[in-house]
Protein backbone atom coordinates (compact mmCIF):
# COMPACT_ATOMS: atom_id res chain seq x y z
CA MET A 1 0.00 0.00 0.00
CA LYS A 2 1.27 3.47 -0.86
CA ARG A 3 2.42 5.55 2.07
CA ARG A 4 0.75 8.87 2.84
CA VAL A 5 2.57 12.15 2.28
CA VAL A 6 2.09 15.49 4.02
CA VAL A 7 3.60 18.97 3.78
CA THR A 8 5.31 20.20 6.94
CA GLY A 9 7.25 23.24 5.70
CA ILE A 10 6.89 25.93 3.05
CA GLY A 11 9.06 28.76 1.71
CA ALA A 12 8.65 31.24 -1.11
CA VAL A 13 10.62 33.98 -2.85
CA THR A 14 8.56 36.35 -5.01
CA SER A 15 8.53 39.92 -6.28
CA LEU A 16 5.68 40.70 -3.87
CA SER A 17 7.36 39.37 -0.73
CA LEU A 18 10.17 37.07 0.40
CA GLN A 19 8.29 35.74 3.43
CA VAL A 20 5.36 33.35 3.13
CA GLU A 21 2.97 34.88 5.65
CA ASP A 22 3.62 38.42 4.41
CA LEU A 23 3.16 37.18 0.83
CA TRP A 24 -0.18 35.62 1.75
CA LYS A 25 -1.33 38.80 3.47
CA ARG A 26 -0.48 40.82 0.36
CA ILE A 27 -2.13 38.28 -1.93
CA LEU A 28 -5.39 38.50 0.01
CA ALA A 29 -5.12 42.30 -0.07
CA GLY A 30 -5.00 42.17 -3.89
CA GLU A 31 -1.54 43.73 -4.18
CA SER A 32 0.61 43.33 -7.29
CA GLY A 33 4.28 42.45 -7.50
CA VAL A 34 4.48 43.59 -11.13
CA HIS A 35 6.26 46.88 -11.78
CA ALA A 36 8.62 48.74 -14.07
CA LEU A 37 11.62 46.46 -14.52
CA ARG A 38 14.68 47.59 -12.53
CA LEU A 39 17.23 44.83 -13.03
CA PHE A 40 18.55 46.43 -16.24
CA ASP A 41 17.90 49.38 -18.53
CA THR A 42 14.86 48.60 -20.67
CA ALA A 43 14.81 51.75 -22.83
CA GLU A 44 15.32 49.76 -26.04
CA TYR A 45 12.98 46.89 -25.15
CA LYS A 46 9.43 46.25 -26.33
CA VAL A 47 8.40 45.22 -22.80
CA ARG A 48 9.69 47.29 -19.90
CA PHE A 49 8.09 45.69 -16.86
CA ALA A 50 8.17 42.39 -14.97
CA GLY A 51 7.88 40.76 -11.58
CA ASP A 52 11.59 41.13 -10.89
CA ILE A 53 13.13 40.96 -7.42
CA TYR A 54 15.22 44.07 -8.00
CA ASP A 55 16.47 44.40 -4.41
CA TRP A 56 17.64 40.79 -4.00
CA SER A 57 20.34 40.64 -1.33
CA PRO A 58 20.13 37.56 0.90
CA SER A 59 21.71 37.91 4.31
CA ASP A 60 24.58 35.86 5.73
CA ASP A 61 21.87 33.95 7.56
CA TYR A 62 21.39 32.06 4.28
CA PHE A 63 24.83 32.03 2.68
CA SER A 64 27.92 34.21 2.57
CA PRO A 65 28.69 36.76 -0.18
CA LYS A 66 31.54 34.49 -1.28
CA ASP A 67 29.20 31.53 -1.68
CA ALA A 68 26.65 33.73 -3.46
CA ARG A 69 29.18 34.53 -6.18
CA ARG A 70 29.45 30.82 -6.92
CA ILE A 71 25.70 30.22 -7.13
CA ASP A 72 23.46 31.45 -9.95
CA ARG A 73 20.51 33.64 -9.08
CA PHE A 74 17.93 30.90 -9.68
CA ALA A 75 19.77 28.55 -7.30
CA GLN A 76 20.05 31.33 -4.72
CA PHE A 77 16.27 31.70 -4.84
CA ALA A 78 15.92 27.94 -4.34
CA MET A 79 18.30 27.91 -1.39
CA VAL A 80 16.55 30.77 0.42
CA ALA A 81 13.07 29.29 -0.14
CA GLY A 82 14.39 25.86 0.82
CA ILE A 83 16.06 27.08 4.02
CA ASP A 84 12.85 28.88 4.99
CA ALA A 85 10.81 25.73 4.29
CA VAL A 86 13.12 23.55 6.40
CA ARG A 87 13.06 26.06 9.25
CA ASP A 88 9.30 26.24 9.00
CA SER A 89 9.07 22.45 9.19
CA GLY A 90 11.16 22.22 12.35
CA MET A 91 13.17 19.46 10.70
CA ASP A 92 16.60 18.67 12.17
CA PHE A 93 18.39 16.73 9.45
CA SER A 94 21.26 15.87 11.81
CA ARG A 95 18.81 13.48 13.50
CA GLU A 96 17.70 11.88 10.22
CA ASN A 97 19.15 9.10 8.08
CA PRO A 98 20.65 11.14 5.20
CA PHE A 99 19.97 8.33 2.74
CA ARG A 100 16.24 8.62 3.50
CA CYS A 101 16.10 12.36 2.70
CA GLY A 102 16.43 13.95 -0.72
CA VAL A 103 15.79 16.87 -3.04
CA ILE A 104 13.87 17.10 -6.32
CA LEU A 105 13.51 20.58 -7.80
CA GLY A 106 12.26 21.98 -11.09
CA SER A 107 13.35 24.88 -13.27
CA GLY A 108 12.36 25.69 -16.80
CA ILE A 109 15.63 27.34 -17.80
CA GLY A 110 18.14 27.27 -14.94
CA GLY A 111 21.18 29.55 -14.90
CA LEU A 112 20.26 31.99 -17.65
CA ASN A 113 21.97 34.85 -15.82
CA GLU A 114 25.26 32.98 -15.86
CA ILE A 115 24.90 32.04 -19.52
CA GLU A 116 24.44 35.69 -20.52
CA THR A 117 27.29 36.89 -18.31
CA GLN A 118 29.80 34.37 -19.61
CA VAL A 119 28.83 34.68 -23.27
CA GLU A 120 29.43 38.42 -23.03
CA ARG A 121 32.77 37.79 -21.30
CA LEU A 122 33.76 35.27 -23.98
CA LEU A 123 32.96 37.67 -26.83
CA THR A 124 34.51 40.78 -25.27
CA LYS A 125 37.48 39.42 -23.29
CA GLY A 126 38.26 36.03 -24.82
CA PRO A 127 38.05 32.38 -23.79
CA GLU A 128 40.55 32.64 -20.96
CA LYS A 129 38.22 35.00 -19.10
CA VAL A 130 35.26 32.64 -18.99
CA SER A 131 34.67 31.73 -15.35
CA ALA A 132 35.60 28.29 -14.05
CA PHE A 133 32.25 28.36 -12.23
CA THR A 134 30.26 28.73 -15.47
CA VAL A 135 29.05 25.16 -15.83
CA PRO A 136 28.34 24.51 -12.12
CA LYS A 137 26.32 27.74 -12.01
CA LEU A 138 24.23 27.30 -15.16
CA MET A 139 23.24 23.63 -14.73
CA VAL A 140 19.58 23.17 -13.93
CA ASN A 141 20.48 20.56 -11.30
CA SER A 142 22.70 23.00 -9.42
CA ALA A 143 19.77 24.14 -7.27
CA SER A 144 18.94 20.63 -6.04
CA GLY A 145 22.65 19.94 -5.67
CA HIS A 146 23.29 22.97 -3.48
CA VAL A 147 20.28 22.28 -1.26
CA SER A 148 21.32 18.66 -0.75
CA ILE A 149 24.90 19.68 0.04
CA LEU A 150 23.71 22.29 2.53
CA TYR A 151 21.84 19.67 4.59
CA GLY A 152 23.91 16.60 3.73
CA LEU A 153 20.97 14.82 2.11
CA ARG A 154 22.05 11.68 0.27
CA GLY A 155 18.73 10.25 -0.87
CA PRO A 156 17.04 10.72 -4.29
CA ASN A 157 18.23 13.92 -5.94
CA HIS A 158 17.45 15.20 -9.40
CA ALA A 159 16.17 18.13 -11.41
CA ILE A 160 13.09 18.37 -13.60
CA VAL A 161 12.85 20.51 -16.74
CA THR A 162 9.34 20.68 -18.21
CA ALA A 163 9.07 24.44 -18.82
CA CYS A 164 6.28 25.97 -16.73
CA ALA A 165 5.24 22.56 -15.38
CA SER A 166 8.69 21.91 -13.89
CA ALA A 167 7.95 22.54 -10.20
CA THR A 168 4.73 20.54 -10.28
CA ASN A 169 6.41 17.64 -12.05
CA ALA A 170 9.17 17.78 -9.42
CA MET A 171 6.58 17.58 -6.65
CA GLY A 172 4.93 14.65 -8.40
CA ASP A 173 8.23 12.79 -8.40
CA ALA A 174 8.88 13.66 -4.76
CA LEU A 175 5.43 12.39 -3.85
CA LYS A 176 6.08 9.03 -5.51
CA VAL A 177 9.52 8.67 -3.94
CA ILE A 178 7.97 8.85 -0.47
CA GLN A 179 4.84 6.88 -1.36
CA TYR A 180 6.95 3.96 -2.56
CA ASP A 181 9.29 4.02 0.45
CA GLU A 182 12.44 5.31 -1.24
CA ALA A 183 12.65 8.23 1.21
CA ASP A 184 10.89 9.67 4.25
CA VAL A 185 11.54 13.38 3.63
CA MET A 186 11.91 15.30 0.35
CA ILE A 187 12.58 18.97 -0.30
CA THR A 188 10.79 19.84 -3.51
CA GLY A 189 9.34 22.66 -5.63
CA GLY A 190 10.88 24.96 -8.21
CA SER A 191 12.94 28.05 -8.91
CA GLU A 192 13.44 30.42 -11.84
CA ALA A 193 15.41 33.58 -12.62
CA ALA A 194 14.74 34.26 -16.30
CA VAL A 195 14.09 38.01 -16.05
CA THR A 196 17.22 38.76 -18.05
CA GLN A 197 17.92 40.73 -21.21
CA MET A 198 17.77 37.59 -23.35
CA GLY A 199 14.84 36.06 -21.46
CA LEU A 200 12.73 39.20 -21.76
CA SER A 201 13.64 39.70 -25.43
CA GLY A 202 12.95 36.10 -26.38
CA PHE A 203 9.50 36.00 -24.82
CA ALA A 204 8.62 39.46 -26.14
CA ASN A 205 9.68 38.67 -29.69
CA MET A 206 7.54 35.54 -29.76
CA LYS A 207 4.63 37.80 -28.74
CA ALA A 208 3.96 35.89 -25.52
CA LEU A 209 4.15 38.89 -23.17
CA SER A 210 1.68 41.62 -22.30
CA MET A 211 2.60 44.99 -23.79
CA ARG A 212 0.95 47.18 -21.14
CA ASN A 213 4.04 49.27 -20.44
CA ASP A 214 1.89 52.21 -19.34
CA ASN A 215 0.31 50.33 -16.42
CA PRO A 216 2.26 47.20 -15.40
CA ALA A 217 0.19 46.41 -12.31
CA VAL A 218 -2.88 45.64 -14.44
CA ALA A 219 -1.01 43.80 -17.21
CA SER A 220 -1.52 40.29 -15.86
CA ARG A 221 -5.26 39.69 -16.16
CA PRO A 222 -6.03 35.97 -16.38
CA PHE A 223 -9.34 34.99 -17.97
CA ASP A 224 -10.23 38.63 -18.69
CA ALA A 225 -11.39 39.31 -22.24
CA ASP A 226 -8.76 42.06 -22.66
CA ARG A 227 -5.73 39.98 -21.68
CA ASP A 228 -2.82 40.28 -24.08
CA GLY A 229 -0.11 37.98 -22.75
CA PHE A 230 1.69 36.95 -19.60
CA VAL A 231 4.03 38.97 -17.39
CA LEU A 232 7.53 37.57 -16.93
CA ALA A 233 8.54 37.12 -13.28
CA GLU A 234 11.06 35.30 -11.11
CA GLY A 235 11.12 33.52 -7.77
CA ALA A 236 10.94 30.16 -6.03
CA GLY A 237 8.55 28.01 -4.05
CA LEU A 238 9.92 25.07 -2.03
CA LEU A 239 8.26 22.65 0.36
CA VAL A 240 9.11 19.86 2.74
CA PHE A 241 7.23 16.67 1.84
CA GLU A 242 7.21 14.08 4.60
CA GLU A 243 5.77 10.63 5.19
CA LEU A 244 2.76 10.98 7.47
CA GLU A 245 3.87 8.70 10.32
CA HIS A 246 7.35 10.25 10.24
CA ALA A 247 5.78 13.69 10.63
CA LYS A 248 3.51 12.53 13.43
CA ALA A 249 6.41 10.91 15.27
CA ARG A 250 8.17 14.24 15.61
CA ASP A 251 4.91 16.10 16.30
CA ALA A 252 5.29 18.23 13.20
CA ARG A 253 2.76 20.87 12.20
CA ILE A 254 1.03 19.64 9.04
CA TYR A 255 -0.24 22.05 6.37
CA ALA A 256 -1.94 19.51 4.15
CA GLU A 257 -1.86 16.00 2.78
CA VAL A 258 -0.64 15.54 -0.79
CA LEU A 259 -3.47 13.48 -2.22
CA GLY A 260 -2.56 12.88 -5.84
CA PHE A 261 -0.65 13.89 -8.95
CA GLY A 262 -1.29 13.60 -12.67
CA ALA A 263 0.62 14.42 -15.84
CA SER A 264 0.20 14.25 -19.60
CA ALA A 265 1.47 15.69 -22.89
CA ASP A 266 -0.34 17.60 -25.61
CA ALA A 267 1.99 16.26 -28.34
CA GLY A 268 0.76 19.01 -30.62
CA HIS A 269 2.82 22.21 -30.73
CA ILE A 270 6.00 23.34 -29.00
CA THR A 271 4.39 26.48 -27.51
CA LYS A 272 0.67 26.57 -28.34
CA PRO A 273 -1.66 24.61 -26.02
CA ASP A 274 -4.24 22.20 -27.36
CA ALA A 275 -7.23 24.44 -28.11
CA GLU A 276 -9.68 22.13 -26.34
CA GLY A 277 -7.37 21.50 -23.40
CA VAL A 278 -7.37 17.75 -24.03
CA GLY A 279 -3.92 17.18 -22.52
CA ALA A 280 -4.63 19.48 -19.58
CA ALA A 281 -7.88 17.65 -18.90
CA LYS A 282 -6.03 14.34 -18.87
CA ALA A 283 -3.51 15.61 -16.31
CA ILE A 284 -6.37 16.83 -14.08
CA SER A 285 -8.30 13.57 -14.39
CA ASN A 286 -5.11 11.56 -13.78
CA ALA A 287 -4.54 13.49 -10.54
CA LEU A 288 -8.08 12.74 -9.41
CA ALA A 289 -7.68 9.06 -10.26
CA ASN A 290 -4.35 8.92 -8.45
CA ALA A 291 -6.02 10.42 -5.37
CA LYS A 292 -9.08 8.17 -5.76
CA LEU A 293 -11.32 11.23 -5.69
CA ALA A 294 -14.43 12.13 -7.65
CA PRO A 295 -14.37 15.45 -9.52
CA GLU A 296 -17.03 16.78 -7.15
CA ALA A 297 -14.55 16.56 -4.25
CA VAL A 298 -12.53 19.54 -5.51
CA ASP A 299 -13.46 22.85 -3.90
CA HIS A 300 -10.68 25.17 -5.08
CA ILE A 301 -8.24 25.36 -7.98
CA ASN A 302 -5.20 27.59 -8.28
CA ALA A 303 -5.28 27.74 -12.05
CA HIS A 304 -2.28 27.93 -14.34
CA GLY A 305 -4.04 31.07 -15.61
CA THR A 306 -1.16 32.88 -17.30
CA SER A 307 -3.18 35.66 -18.97
CA THR A 308 -2.51 34.47 -22.52
CA PRO A 309 -5.49 34.44 -24.91
CA LEU A 310 -5.06 30.78 -25.89
CA GLY A 311 -3.88 29.34 -22.60
CA ASP A 312 -6.69 30.62 -20.37
CA ARG A 313 -9.29 29.49 -22.86
CA ALA A 314 -7.77 26.00 -23.11
CA GLU A 315 -7.52 25.61 -19.34
CA THR A 316 -11.15 26.65 -18.91
CA ALA A 317 -12.16 24.07 -21.51
CA ALA A 318 -10.13 21.41 -19.68
CA MET A 319 -11.80 22.17 -16.35
CA LYS A 320 -15.24 21.97 -17.96
CA THR A 321 -14.33 18.65 -19.57
CA VAL A 322 -13.28 17.06 -16.28
CA PHE A 323 -15.65 18.68 -13.81
CA GLY A 324 -18.77 19.18 -15.93
CA GLU A 325 -21.39 21.27 -14.13
CA HIS A 326 -19.31 21.11 -10.95
CA ALA A 327 -16.74 23.35 -12.70
CA TYR A 328 -19.12 26.27 -12.11
CA ARG A 329 -19.14 25.56 -8.36
CA ILE A 330 -15.36 25.51 -7.88
CA GLY A 331 -13.61 28.59 -6.53
CA ILE A 332 -10.87 29.24 -9.11
CA SER A 333 -7.99 31.68 -8.60
CA SER A 334 -5.01 32.75 -10.66
CA THR A 335 -2.38 34.26 -8.39
CA LYS A 336 -0.31 34.98 -11.49
CA SER A 337 -2.54 38.05 -11.75
CA GLN A 338 -0.53 39.40 -8.80
CA LEU A 339 2.87 37.72 -9.16
CA GLY A 340 3.28 37.39 -12.91
CA HIS A 341 4.50 34.11 -14.40
CA THR A 342 7.57 32.62 -12.73
CA LEU A 343 7.80 29.88 -15.37
CA GLY A 344 9.32 26.71 -13.88
CA ALA A 345 8.91 28.03 -10.32
CA SER A 346 5.21 28.81 -10.66
CA GLY A 347 3.90 25.43 -9.53
CA GLY A 348 5.96 25.58 -6.34
CA ILE A 349 4.82 29.07 -5.42
CA GLU A 350 1.22 28.33 -6.32
CA ILE A 351 0.95 25.11 -4.30
CA VAL A 352 2.19 27.09 -1.29
CA LEU A 353 -0.64 29.57 -1.85
CA THR A 354 -3.08 26.73 -2.47
CA MET A 355 -2.29 25.21 0.91
CA LEU A 356 -2.69 28.56 2.63
CA ALA A 357 -6.09 28.86 0.96
CA LEU A 358 -6.90 25.43 2.38
CA ARG A 359 -5.63 26.43 5.82
CA ASP A 360 -7.57 29.69 5.99
CA GLN A 361 -10.63 28.54 4.02
CA VAL A 362 -10.43 31.39 1.54
CA CYS A 363 -9.91 31.65 -2.23
CA PRO A 364 -7.43 34.37 -3.17
CA PRO A 365 -8.51 36.89 -5.80
CA THR A 366 -7.82 36.96 -9.50
CA ILE A 367 -7.11 40.67 -9.77
CA ASN A 368 -7.55 42.81 -12.89
CA TYR A 369 -10.61 40.80 -13.93
CA GLU A 370 -12.95 43.35 -15.51
CA THR A 371 -14.47 42.02 -18.73
CA PRO A 372 -15.86 38.47 -19.00
CA GLU A 373 -15.08 36.51 -22.13
CA PRO A 374 -17.64 34.15 -23.63
CA GLY A 375 -16.35 30.65 -23.03
CA CYS A 376 -14.29 31.74 -20.02
CA ASP A 377 -17.33 31.78 -17.77
CA LEU A 378 -16.30 29.99 -14.58
CA ASP A 379 -15.95 31.50 -11.10
CA TYR A 380 -12.45 33.00 -11.19
CA THR A 381 -12.84 34.81 -7.83
CA PRO A 382 -12.67 38.25 -9.45
CA ASN A 383 -10.74 40.99 -7.63
CA GLU A 384 -11.68 40.11 -4.04
CA PRO A 385 -10.85 37.07 -1.89
CA ARG A 386 -13.79 34.91 -0.93
CA GLU A 387 -14.29 32.73 2.13
CA ARG A 388 -15.47 29.24 1.29
CA LYS A 389 -15.30 25.71 2.62
CA ILE A 390 -12.24 23.97 1.14
CA ALA A 391 -11.44 20.34 1.88
CA VAL A 392 -9.62 19.51 -1.37
CA ALA A 393 -7.69 21.88 -3.62
CA MET A 394 -5.80 21.54 -6.88
CA SER A 395 -2.96 23.41 -8.56
CA ASN A 396 -2.46 23.25 -12.34
CA SER A 397 0.75 23.81 -14.30
CA PHE A 398 1.04 23.65 -18.09
CA GLY A 399 4.23 24.35 -20.02
CA PHE A 400 5.75 24.92 -23.44
CA GLY A 401 6.50 21.59 -25.03
CA GLY A 402 2.99 20.41 -24.23
CA HIS A 403 3.76 19.41 -20.63
CA ASN A 404 0.76 19.22 -18.28
CA ALA A 405 0.80 18.56 -14.54
CA SER A 406 -1.78 18.78 -11.76
CA ILE A 407 -1.42 18.17 -8.04
CA LEU A 408 -4.06 17.75 -5.33
CA VAL A 409 -3.79 18.64 -1.64
CA GLY A 410 -6.33 18.42 1.12
CA GLN A 411 -7.04 18.22 4.79
CA LEU A 412 -5.89 14.95 6.36
CA ARG A 413 -8.55 12.39 5.64
CA ASP A 414 -8.68 11.31 9.28
CA GLY A 415 -9.56 14.89 10.16
CA THR A 416 -6.46 15.72 12.21
CA ALA A 417 -5.29 18.64 10.10
């Protein structure tokens, strides 16, 4: 029989806040972390705003300035969110079997900052000036590697790259590792730092981004008829997954039980989602089947909801396919309306917010929702949070390449959480 898995610690790094409880307070207040981009001069760029963490400067409480120079920005985000999650969990890894504890993290791109820095150095100063730390900094698995080294964790350790589904796929793997008794504790989630000159230019030139330079705070508007693209952002969301009896034995505080996970592929187009959301629907239904839950059990969904014309329409179609008439009774939120799209980190950040919604029995708002679109006619919790009874909640993540992933969390089924 599969073992049960719970979440005992959470951490998040976002443009709105670097602390989970403060982030949640700001989310419920409808604040936006999207603003004029400050990481670099955008005068010559089509898009001049983002959800960038322009004042990033982690204290020595996380790692030293010397260590920071050897770790790419995306991995720094992962380490800070991971350290916060471990502290939140109360876990003392010195008391654990290191071979029963591991790390699985996702990132869509990895060390893009380092790639840009070293390419410029190569072209302007020559090959001898390329840093010896280039490869260890840019590798997508550097984040999971650094977190495991920090705590001496010698169990399962790998990185997942499935574009914007990366963090959710990573959590799905971490869930299975514990369920099938390969580990007792896993640090999981995702991190991304793609708000760079090349990252911004690439997404803008493929016409994926909103062009609302005059009013960035209202640019991310999932499911609204006037949406015109997503807002690029950066950050991380990491969690401590733990086997239920292991958590109970140390009297850990439990946020939620991880009930099920599902994945699928569109196998249609490298960037465009299936118009009817067929692949997305399969990931959602697979998660429900994995959790042995009927569609009617789901009370809240943190939607992928990126604010792209095609994506929001396809996700709505997928939810209608799976949930039928019950889709109209689910409280749906897109917190990307406030944080922008953190790509491979989004699933990690959003499952943190999903569990806080479960804890506090409230659906966060989808801000900037003003004009309904025919076909996108579900309850997206427009502009104001709404209290509601939530026993089971879902988070969706869909990525370029046709990757689809959904994860379900809920109150402990024996009623103790």
